[in-house]
Protein backbone atom coordinates (compact mmCIF):
# COMPACT_ATOMS: atom_id res chain seq x y z
CA UNK A 1 -21.44 46.51 47.60
CA UNK A 2 -20.42 43.98 44.95
CA UNK A 3 -23.03 41.26 44.25
CA UNK A 4 -21.82 37.64 44.20
CA UNK A 5 -18.71 38.73 46.10
CA UNK A 6 -17.77 37.58 49.59
CA UNK A 7 -14.99 39.05 51.71
CA UNK A 8 -13.46 36.78 54.35
CA UNK A 9 -11.42 38.37 57.14
CA UNK A 10 -9.36 35.99 59.27
CA UNK A 11 -8.20 37.01 62.74
CA UNK A 12 -6.10 35.28 65.36
CA UNK A 13 -3.84 32.27 65.01
CA UNK A 14 -2.83 29.96 62.18
CA UNK A 15 -5.33 27.37 63.42
CA UNK A 16 -8.05 29.92 62.70
CA UNK A 17 -6.52 30.63 59.31
CA UNK A 18 -6.98 27.01 58.27
CA UNK A 19 -10.70 27.25 59.04
CA UNK A 20 -10.86 30.39 56.89
CA UNK A 21 -9.07 28.59 54.06
CA UNK A 22 -11.57 25.75 54.20
CA UNK A 23 -14.37 28.31 54.10
CA UNK A 24 -12.82 30.02 51.06
CA UNK A 25 -12.64 26.74 49.16
CA UNK A 26 -16.30 25.98 49.80
CA UNK A 27 -17.43 29.47 48.81
CA UNK A 28 -15.49 29.24 45.55
CA UNK A 29 -17.03 25.82 44.85
CA UNK A 30 -20.46 27.43 45.25
CA UNK A 31 -19.60 29.91 42.51
CA UNK A 32 -18.79 33.02 44.55
CA UNK A 33 -15.92 35.43 44.02
CA UNK A 34 -14.00 35.48 47.29
CA UNK A 35 -11.38 37.86 48.66
CA UNK A 36 -9.32 37.10 51.75
CA UNK A 37 -8.37 39.97 54.08
CA UNK A 38 -9.17 42.68 51.51
CA UNK A 39 -7.87 46.22 51.87
CA UNK A 40 -11.22 47.55 50.68
CA UNK A 41 -14.21 45.64 52.07
CA UNK A 42 -17.22 45.73 49.75
CA UNK A 43 -18.73 42.27 49.51
CA UNK A 44 -22.32 41.11 49.34
CA UNK A 45 -21.32 39.19 52.46
CA UNK A 46 -18.44 39.91 54.81
CA UNK A 47 -17.40 36.97 56.97
CA UNK A 48 -15.23 37.62 60.02
CA UNK A 49 -13.46 34.63 61.54
CA UNK A 50 -12.98 36.04 65.04
CA UNK A 51 -10.40 35.37 67.76
CA UNK A 52 -11.32 35.10 71.43
CA UNK A 53 -8.14 33.87 73.09
CA UNK A 54 -7.18 36.87 75.26
CA UNK A 55 -8.59 40.31 76.00
CA UNK A 56 -6.63 42.15 73.32
CA UNK A 57 -7.69 39.67 70.64
CA UNK A 58 -11.33 39.89 71.69
CA UNK A 59 -11.20 43.68 71.59
CA UNK A 60 -9.67 43.65 68.13
CA UNK A 61 -12.40 41.35 66.80
CA UNK A 62 -15.16 43.44 68.35
CA UNK A 63 -13.72 46.68 66.98
CA UNK A 64 -13.61 45.19 63.50
CA UNK A 65 -17.23 44.08 63.73
CA UNK A 66 -18.26 47.55 64.87
CA UNK A 67 -16.43 49.17 61.96
CA UNK A 68 -18.15 46.77 59.56
CA UNK A 69 -21.49 47.71 61.09
CA UNK A 70 -20.81 51.32 60.03
CA UNK A 71 -19.98 50.20 56.49
CA UNK A 72 -23.18 48.20 56.39
CA UNK A 73 -25.21 51.22 57.49
CA UNK A 74 -23.61 53.26 54.69
CA UNK A 75 -24.55 50.60 52.13
CA UNK A 76 -20.97 49.76 51.18
CA UNK A 77 -21.29 46.13 52.25
CA UNK A 78 -24.17 43.71 52.50
CA UNK A 79 -24.61 41.19 55.26
CA UNK A 80 -22.16 40.64 58.12
CA UNK A 81 -21.42 37.06 59.18
CA UNK A 82 -19.38 36.35 62.34
CA UNK A 83 -17.84 33.00 63.19
CA UNK A 84 -14.87 31.62 65.11
CA UNK A 85 -13.63 31.52 68.68
CA UNK A 86 -15.15 34.76 69.94
CA UNK A 87 -18.60 33.88 68.64
CA UNK A 88 -18.31 30.33 69.92
CA UNK A 89 -17.99 31.73 73.43
CA UNK A 90 -20.09 34.91 73.29
CA UNK A 91 -22.72 34.25 70.64
CA UNK A 92 -25.66 35.54 72.67
CA UNK A 93 -23.78 38.66 73.80
CA UNK A 94 -22.78 39.59 70.25
CA UNK A 95 -26.34 39.10 69.03
CA UNK A 96 -27.50 41.70 71.54
CA UNK A 97 -24.57 44.13 71.54
CA UNK A 98 -23.98 44.33 67.77
CA UNK A 99 -27.40 43.84 66.16
CA UNK A 100 -25.96 44.79 62.75
CA UNK A 101 -24.41 41.32 62.59
CA UNK A 102 -26.81 39.36 60.41
CA UNK A 103 -25.68 35.82 61.14
CA UNK A 104 -23.59 34.42 64.00
CA UNK A 105 -21.93 31.02 63.84
CA UNK A 106 -19.50 29.42 66.25
CA UNK A 107 -16.19 27.74 65.58
CA UNK A 108 -17.66 24.49 64.32
CA UNK A 109 -21.08 25.16 62.76
CA UNK A 110 -19.93 27.68 60.12
CA UNK A 111 -20.54 25.10 57.40
CA UNK A 112 -24.23 25.92 57.85
CA UNK A 113 -23.43 29.26 56.20
CA UNK A 114 -22.29 27.39 53.08
CA UNK A 115 -25.48 25.34 53.09
CA UNK A 116 -27.57 28.50 53.32
CA UNK A 117 -26.10 30.03 50.15
CA UNK A 118 -27.46 29.59 46.66
CA UNK A 119 -25.34 27.19 44.61
CA UNK A 120 -24.22 29.23 41.61
CA UNK A 121 -21.82 26.71 40.06
CA UNK A 122 -23.08 23.15 40.45
CA UNK A 123 -19.53 22.01 41.26
CA UNK A 124 -19.12 19.06 43.63
CA UNK A 125 -18.62 19.89 47.28
CA UNK A 126 -14.98 19.89 48.39
CA UNK A 127 -13.74 17.14 50.63
CA UNK A 128 -13.54 17.88 54.35
CA UNK A 129 -9.87 18.87 54.34
CA UNK A 130 -9.75 20.79 51.05
CA UNK A 131 -8.95 24.49 51.26
CA UNK A 132 -7.71 27.50 49.33
CA UNK A 133 -4.27 28.43 50.62
CA UNK A 134 -3.74 32.05 51.66
CA UNK A 135 -0.09 31.45 52.54
CA UNK A 136 2.64 31.51 49.87
CA UNK A 137 2.09 28.54 47.52
CA UNK A 138 5.24 26.77 48.73
CA UNK A 139 4.28 26.84 52.43
CA UNK A 140 1.23 25.95 54.47
CA UNK A 141 -0.08 25.14 57.93
CA UNK A 142 -1.60 21.75 58.56
CA UNK A 143 -3.79 21.20 61.62
CA UNK A 144 -3.68 17.70 63.09
CA UNK A 145 -6.04 18.07 66.05
CA UNK A 146 -8.53 20.41 67.66
CA UNK A 147 -9.19 21.25 71.28
CA UNK A 148 -7.29 20.51 74.48
CA UNK A 149 -7.70 18.35 77.58
CA UNK A 150 -5.06 20.04 79.74
CA UNK A 151 -7.24 22.74 81.38
CA UNK A 152 -4.41 25.01 82.47
CA UNK A 153 -5.66 27.51 85.02
CA UNK A 154 -5.28 30.58 82.80
CA UNK A 155 -6.43 29.21 79.44
CA UNK A 156 -9.86 29.57 77.86
CA UNK A 157 -9.09 27.36 74.85
CA UNK A 158 -10.81 24.22 76.23
CA UNK A 159 -13.87 26.36 76.99
CA UNK A 160 -13.94 27.47 73.34
CA UNK A 161 -12.79 24.47 71.35
CA UNK A 162 -13.75 21.65 73.68
CA UNK A 163 -11.92 18.40 74.27
CA UNK A 164 -8.90 17.25 72.31
CA UNK A 165 -9.87 15.54 69.04
CA UNK A 166 -7.22 14.11 66.70
CA UNK A 167 -7.68 13.93 62.96
CA UNK A 168 -7.20 10.44 61.50
CA UNK A 169 -3.68 9.85 60.23
CA UNK A 170 -4.77 8.77 56.78
CA UNK A 171 -6.80 11.95 56.29
CA UNK A 172 -3.80 14.09 57.24
CA UNK A 173 -1.54 12.09 54.93
CA UNK A 174 -4.01 12.40 52.06
CA UNK A 175 -4.06 16.17 52.57
CA UNK A 176 -0.25 16.23 52.73
CA UNK A 177 0.09 14.25 49.49
CA UNK A 178 -2.35 16.51 47.67
CA UNK A 179 -0.68 19.71 48.89
CA UNK A 180 2.80 18.43 48.07
CA UNK A 181 1.66 17.43 44.59
CA UNK A 182 0.42 21.01 44.18
CA UNK A 183 3.80 22.50 45.00
CA UNK A 184 3.78 22.95 48.78
CA UNK A 185 7.24 22.22 50.15
CA UNK A 186 7.00 23.40 53.78
CA UNK A 187 4.44 21.95 56.20
CA UNK A 188 4.02 23.75 59.52
CA UNK A 189 2.22 21.20 61.67
CA UNK A 190 0.02 22.84 64.29
CA UNK A 191 -2.34 21.91 67.11
CA UNK A 192 -3.25 23.34 70.46
CA UNK A 193 -1.54 20.28 71.94
CA UNK A 194 0.72 18.32 69.59
CA UNK A 195 1.86 16.12 72.44
CA UNK A 196 -1.53 14.44 72.79
CA UNK A 197 -1.98 13.61 69.11
CA UNK A 198 -3.45 10.15 68.66
CA UNK A 199 -4.24 9.36 72.28
CA UNK A 200 -7.98 9.74 71.72
CA UNK A 201 -8.17 7.87 68.40
CA UNK A 202 -5.55 5.19 68.85
CA UNK A 203 -5.11 4.93 72.60
CA UNK A 204 -1.46 5.94 72.38
CA UNK A 205 0.79 8.77 71.24
CA UNK A 206 1.01 8.78 67.45
CA UNK A 207 2.77 12.07 66.71
CA UNK A 208 6.05 10.34 65.85
CA UNK A 209 4.33 7.85 63.54
CA UNK A 210 2.42 10.65 61.80
CA UNK A 211 5.46 12.86 61.23
CA UNK A 212 7.53 9.88 60.09
CA UNK A 213 4.85 9.05 57.50
CA UNK A 214 4.54 12.69 56.38
CA UNK A 215 8.30 12.81 55.86
CA UNK A 216 7.97 9.94 53.37
CA UNK A 217 5.64 11.92 51.09
CA UNK A 218 7.31 12.95 47.85
CA UNK A 219 7.91 16.67 47.64
CA UNK A 220 7.87 17.35 51.38
CA UNK A 221 11.05 19.32 52.08
CA UNK A 222 10.38 20.73 55.55
CA UNK A 223 8.08 19.70 58.41
CA UNK A 224 8.04 22.00 61.44
CA UNK A 225 6.30 21.32 64.77
CA UNK A 226 4.27 23.91 66.67
CA UNK A 227 2.72 23.92 70.12
CA UNK A 228 3.90 20.84 71.94
CA UNK A 229 2.94 20.49 75.59
CA UNK A 230 5.78 19.68 78.03
CA UNK A 231 3.88 17.29 80.32
CA UNK A 232 3.62 13.74 78.94
CA UNK A 233 5.78 14.78 75.97
CA UNK A 234 6.05 12.03 73.29
CA UNK A 235 9.79 11.38 73.44
CA UNK A 236 9.80 9.19 70.32
CA UNK A 237 9.24 12.28 68.16
CA UNK A 238 12.83 13.23 68.97
CA UNK A 239 14.12 10.12 67.20
CA UNK A 240 12.17 11.09 64.08
CA UNK A 241 13.50 14.66 64.22
CA UNK A 242 17.07 13.41 64.56
CA UNK A 243 16.74 10.80 61.79
CA UNK A 244 14.67 12.58 59.16
CA UNK A 245 16.50 15.39 57.30
CA UNK A 246 13.21 16.95 56.18
CA UNK A 247 11.84 17.23 59.74
CA UNK A 248 13.14 20.59 60.90
CA UNK A 249 15.24 20.70 64.02
CA UNK A 250 12.78 23.14 65.54
CA UNK A 251 10.26 22.71 68.32
CA UNK A 252 7.70 25.19 69.61
CA UNK A 253 6.91 24.15 73.17
CA UNK A 254 5.16 26.52 75.59
CA UNK A 255 6.67 26.27 79.08
CA UNK A 256 4.94 29.30 80.70
CA UNK A 257 7.10 29.43 83.85
CA UNK A 258 10.03 27.93 85.74
CA UNK A 259 8.96 28.31 89.37
CA UNK A 260 7.43 25.22 90.97
CA UNK A 261 5.01 27.42 92.86
CA UNK A 262 3.76 29.06 89.65
CA UNK A 263 3.70 25.86 87.62
CA UNK A 264 1.48 24.27 90.26
CA UNK A 265 -0.80 27.31 90.45
CA UNK A 266 -1.06 27.36 86.67
CA UNK A 267 -1.97 23.65 86.67
CA UNK A 268 0.75 22.83 84.17
CA UNK A 269 1.12 19.18 85.26
CA UNK A 270 4.93 19.38 85.33
CA UNK A 271 7.59 20.45 87.82
CA UNK A 272 10.59 22.70 87.31
CA UNK A 273 13.00 19.76 87.62
CA UNK A 274 11.00 17.74 85.07
CA UNK A 275 11.07 20.70 82.70
CA UNK A 276 14.84 20.96 83.01
CA UNK A 277 15.27 17.23 82.34
CA UNK A 278 13.00 17.43 79.31
CA UNK A 279 14.96 20.31 77.80
CA UNK A 280 18.23 18.49 78.42
CA UNK A 281 16.91 15.35 76.74
CA UNK A 282 15.55 17.25 73.72
CA UNK A 283 18.90 18.92 73.11
CA UNK A 284 20.82 15.68 73.72
CA UNK A 285 18.75 13.59 71.32
CA UNK A 286 18.38 16.22 68.60
CA UNK A 287 21.74 17.98 68.27
CA UNK A 288 21.41 21.48 66.83
CA UNK A 289 17.71 21.81 67.60
CA UNK A 290 16.26 25.29 68.04
CA UNK A 291 13.59 25.64 70.71
CA UNK A 292 10.88 28.31 70.74
CA UNK A 293 8.91 28.79 73.93
CA UNK A 294 6.26 31.04 75.40
CA UNK A 295 6.36 32.36 78.96
CA UNK A 296 3.90 34.23 81.17
CA UNK A 297 4.46 36.92 83.77
CA UNK A 298 2.06 38.36 86.32
CA UNK A 299 0.02 35.25 87.03
CA UNK A 300 -1.87 35.57 90.36
CA UNK A 301 0.53 35.08 93.25
CA UNK A 302 3.70 35.66 91.24
CA UNK A 303 6.18 37.38 93.54
CA UNK A 304 9.55 38.92 92.76
CA UNK A 305 11.23 35.68 93.84
CA UNK A 306 9.23 33.77 91.23
CA UNK A 307 10.06 36.32 88.56
CA UNK A 308 13.74 36.23 89.45
CA UNK A 309 13.57 32.45 89.09
CA UNK A 310 12.10 32.91 85.61
CA UNK A 311 14.80 35.40 84.63
CA UNK A 312 17.51 32.97 85.76
CA UNK A 313 15.83 30.19 83.82
CA UNK A 314 15.82 32.20 80.60
CA UNK A 315 19.36 33.44 81.19
CA UNK A 316 20.65 29.90 81.70
CA UNK A 317 18.61 28.14 79.02
CA UNK A 318 19.21 30.73 76.27
CA UNK A 319 16.15 29.90 74.24
CA UNK A 320 16.66 30.35 70.52
CA UNK A 321 13.22 31.90 70.12
CA UNK A 322 10.90 33.17 72.84
CA UNK A 323 7.65 35.03 73.23
CA UNK A 324 6.03 36.23 76.44
CA UNK A 325 2.82 37.83 77.60
CA UNK A 326 1.33 39.25 80.74
CA UNK A 327 -1.46 37.37 82.46
CA UNK A 328 -4.96 38.48 81.52
CA UNK A 329 -7.88 37.09 83.49
CA UNK A 330 -10.27 35.14 81.30
CA UNK A 331 -13.72 34.59 82.69
CA UNK A 332 -14.78 31.06 83.65
CA UNK A 333 -11.21 29.76 83.67
CA UNK A 334 -9.91 28.04 86.80
CA UNK A 335 -7.77 31.08 87.64
CA UNK A 336 -10.68 33.48 87.29
CA UNK A 337 -12.84 31.32 89.56
CA UNK A 338 -10.25 30.50 92.23
CA UNK A 339 -7.59 33.23 92.25
CA UNK A 340 -7.47 36.98 92.68
CA UNK A 341 -5.70 38.86 89.90
CA UNK A 342 -3.43 40.50 92.46
CA UNK A 343 -0.36 41.52 90.44
CA UNK A 344 -0.72 45.21 89.48
CA UNK A 345 -0.77 45.96 85.77
CA UNK A 346 2.30 48.17 85.99
CA UNK A 347 4.22 45.33 87.66
CA UNK A 348 3.11 42.91 84.96
CA UNK A 349 4.31 45.30 82.27
CA UNK A 350 7.63 45.93 83.99
CA UNK A 351 8.28 42.22 84.32
CA UNK A 352 7.29 41.62 80.71
CA UNK A 353 9.58 44.38 79.45
CA UNK A 354 12.47 43.16 81.61
CA UNK A 355 12.06 39.56 80.45
CA UNK A 356 11.85 40.49 76.79
CA UNK A 357 14.88 42.78 77.08
CA UNK A 358 16.87 39.83 78.40
CA UNK A 359 15.68 37.62 75.56
CA UNK A 360 16.48 40.33 73.03
CA UNK A 361 20.10 40.32 74.19
CA UNK A 362 20.22 36.52 74.04
CA UNK A 363 18.68 36.47 70.57
CA UNK A 364 21.20 39.04 69.33
CA UNK A 365 24.08 36.93 70.64
CA UNK A 366 22.69 33.76 69.05
CA UNK A 367 22.18 35.54 65.73
CA UNK A 368 25.74 36.83 65.83
CA UNK A 369 26.93 33.23 66.24
CA UNK A 370 25.40 32.44 62.83
CA UNK A 371 27.75 34.81 61.03
CA UNK A 372 30.04 32.73 58.83
CA UNK A 373 27.79 29.69 58.77
CA UNK A 374 26.47 28.18 55.55
CA UNK A 375 22.72 27.53 55.70
CA UNK A 376 20.01 26.07 53.53
CA UNK A 377 17.31 28.71 53.13
CA UNK A 378 13.80 28.79 51.70
CA UNK A 379 12.87 31.87 49.67
CA UNK A 380 9.53 33.33 50.80
CA UNK A 381 9.34 36.51 48.72
CA UNK A 382 11.37 39.09 46.87
CA UNK A 383 12.10 42.67 47.90
CA UNK A 384 13.97 44.49 45.17
CA UNK A 385 17.28 42.74 44.55
CA UNK A 386 16.91 40.62 47.66
CA UNK A 387 15.33 37.26 48.33
CA UNK A 388 13.70 37.15 51.77
CA UNK A 389 14.33 33.72 53.23
CA UNK A 390 14.04 31.53 56.29
CA UNK A 391 16.07 28.66 57.65
CA UNK A 392 14.67 25.42 59.03
CA UNK A 393 14.94 27.09 62.45
CA UNK A 394 12.56 29.92 61.54
CA UNK A 395 8.80 29.67 61.47
CA UNK A 396 6.80 31.97 59.15
CA UNK A 397 6.00 35.47 60.44
CA UNK A 398 7.44 35.05 63.95
CA UNK A 399 11.12 34.21 63.52
CA UNK A 400 14.19 35.52 61.71
CA UNK A 401 14.36 36.70 58.10
CA UNK A 402 17.47 36.30 55.95
CA UNK A 403 18.14 38.88 53.22
CA UNK A 404 20.10 37.43 50.31
CA UNK A 405 21.04 39.41 47.18
CA UNK A 406 20.37 36.84 44.46
CA UNK A 407 17.90 35.97 41.73
CA UNK A 408 16.18 33.08 43.52
CA UNK A 409 12.38 33.06 43.40
CA UNK A 410 9.79 32.27 46.10
CA UNK A 411 9.60 28.57 46.79
CA UNK A 412 13.22 27.87 45.84
CA UNK A 413 15.82 26.55 48.25
CA UNK A 414 19.27 28.13 48.21
CA UNK A 415 22.49 27.85 50.18
CA UNK A 416 24.04 31.03 51.55
CA UNK A 417 26.67 32.14 54.03
CA UNK A 418 25.56 34.52 56.77
CA UNK A 419 27.60 37.73 56.63
CA UNK A 420 25.85 40.09 59.04
CA UNK A 421 23.35 39.91 61.89
CA UNK A 422 20.95 42.64 63.00
CA UNK A 423 18.21 42.59 65.63
CA UNK A 424 15.56 40.70 63.66
CA UNK A 425 17.24 40.24 60.29
CA UNK A 426 20.31 38.52 58.95
CA UNK A 427 22.16 39.06 55.69
CA UNK A 428 23.74 36.29 53.64
CA UNK A 429 25.54 35.71 50.35
CA UNK A 430 25.27 32.82 47.93
CA UNK A 431 28.87 33.04 46.70
CA UNK A 432 31.71 30.64 47.57
CA UNK A 433 32.44 30.07 51.24
CA UNK A 434 35.32 32.22 52.41
CA UNK A 435 38.35 30.41 53.83
CA UNK A 436 37.91 31.87 57.28
CA UNK A 437 34.34 30.48 57.40
CA UNK A 438 35.31 26.90 56.64
CA UNK A 439 35.51 25.65 60.24
CA UNK A 440 32.02 26.99 60.97
CA UNK A 441 30.13 25.26 58.19
CA UNK A 442 27.07 23.32 59.16
C-alpha cells in the first residue's frame, strides 16, 4: 500500500469515464498522487467507478470488487471506495454482500468522497466541469446531458441516472474553449439521449445551436455525435452537419429493431416506416454521412419473422457501423415487469451471431470501397513505423483504424490514400495520389 496514493478504476462507457476524469482532477487538487486504471493496484484508496447497464457489466464490476477485497485482506491496498451506476442501483446489496468495501457512493454523490479527504495542497477547488483527461491529449469526450426520459421497455438507464438533465450551453462552451486551448482537437459529444438536449432547460431542441457554437471555437477540428434517439429527432442538426466542415459526417443513433411489433413492445416511440423516412432524410441532407447503429435480438416475443425482418433491414440499409446485443432482462424495467423472457438463450445467440456475420460482410464491402480514396486522418498513436489513425467516420475504440507508414505524431492530421482493406484495419500511404485513383478522390 502506498500512502497518499489513490488508484481510480473506471468501468463501463465513456459517460462514466468523464465522471472518473472529474474525480481525478479533484483528487489531484487535494494533493494526492492519482493513477487511472493501474496495472498494479496498491493505493491508500482504490476507487472503482462501476457499471450497471447490463448483466455482463454488473458481473464484471462485482468481480473486480471481490478481487480488490482479497488485495485489501492481504494488506496490499488500503480502503475500497465504490461509486457509479452499479452502486447507484444496488448500494444496500453491495454493503451487505461485499463488506470489505469501506465506502459506497452512487453516481451523483461521489463528491462527498472528495470532501471527506484531508486537503494536502491548499489549491483552489476545480470548477464543476474541470477534469484530468485520460484519453489522448488531442481527443476527448464531452458530456452534454445526463439521464433519459424515454423509458424504453428494456433499459435500466432511467432507473439509474434519473430524468434527462441538460447542461447549460455556456458551461459546455466554456469547457470546449478551455480544452481546445489546451490542445484538444477532437470532441466526441455524448449523452444518453442527444436528441433531447435543451428541451428541459430551454423548452426546445438546442442540439443544433450547441454544435454550431462549438464549431466556432478556435482549435476545434472535429466534433462527432454519439447516441441520438430516433424518435423526435432534431432535424436541424443535419443542416449544421452539412454546413460545418469540422462537424464530422458521422451519427451514432441506436435503432434497436425494424419490426413494428418489436418497436412497439420495446416502447421505442417510433414506427418502422418513420425509421425508414428518418434514415432517408439523414442521408439526403448530409451527403456522405456514415451512420452507426445498435440493434437488439431476442427481446421477449421476437419470432423468426421479426428476426428475418431485421436481417432484411440491415441487408438493405447497409449500415456503415453497427453493434448488436442479445436481450438481457433487467429487473424493475417495463419488460421485466410485463413480459416473459421467452426467447431461449441459444436462439438469442444464434440470431446475434447471424446478424453480426451479415454486418461483417457489409463492413468488409464498405471498407473495400475506400481503397483508392484520399482521406484526412487524425493520428492517435504510433506503432513502430506506422501511425495509427482514424477518419472523421471513425469513433475512438469502436471503429476502423488506418495504418499509415509515415513520421506523423499523435494529434497531427495527415492526408493519405487507402491502399488495402482488411477486416477491421485499413492501410494507407501519404505519397502522391496515383493516376488510377484520381476519379475516386473525396
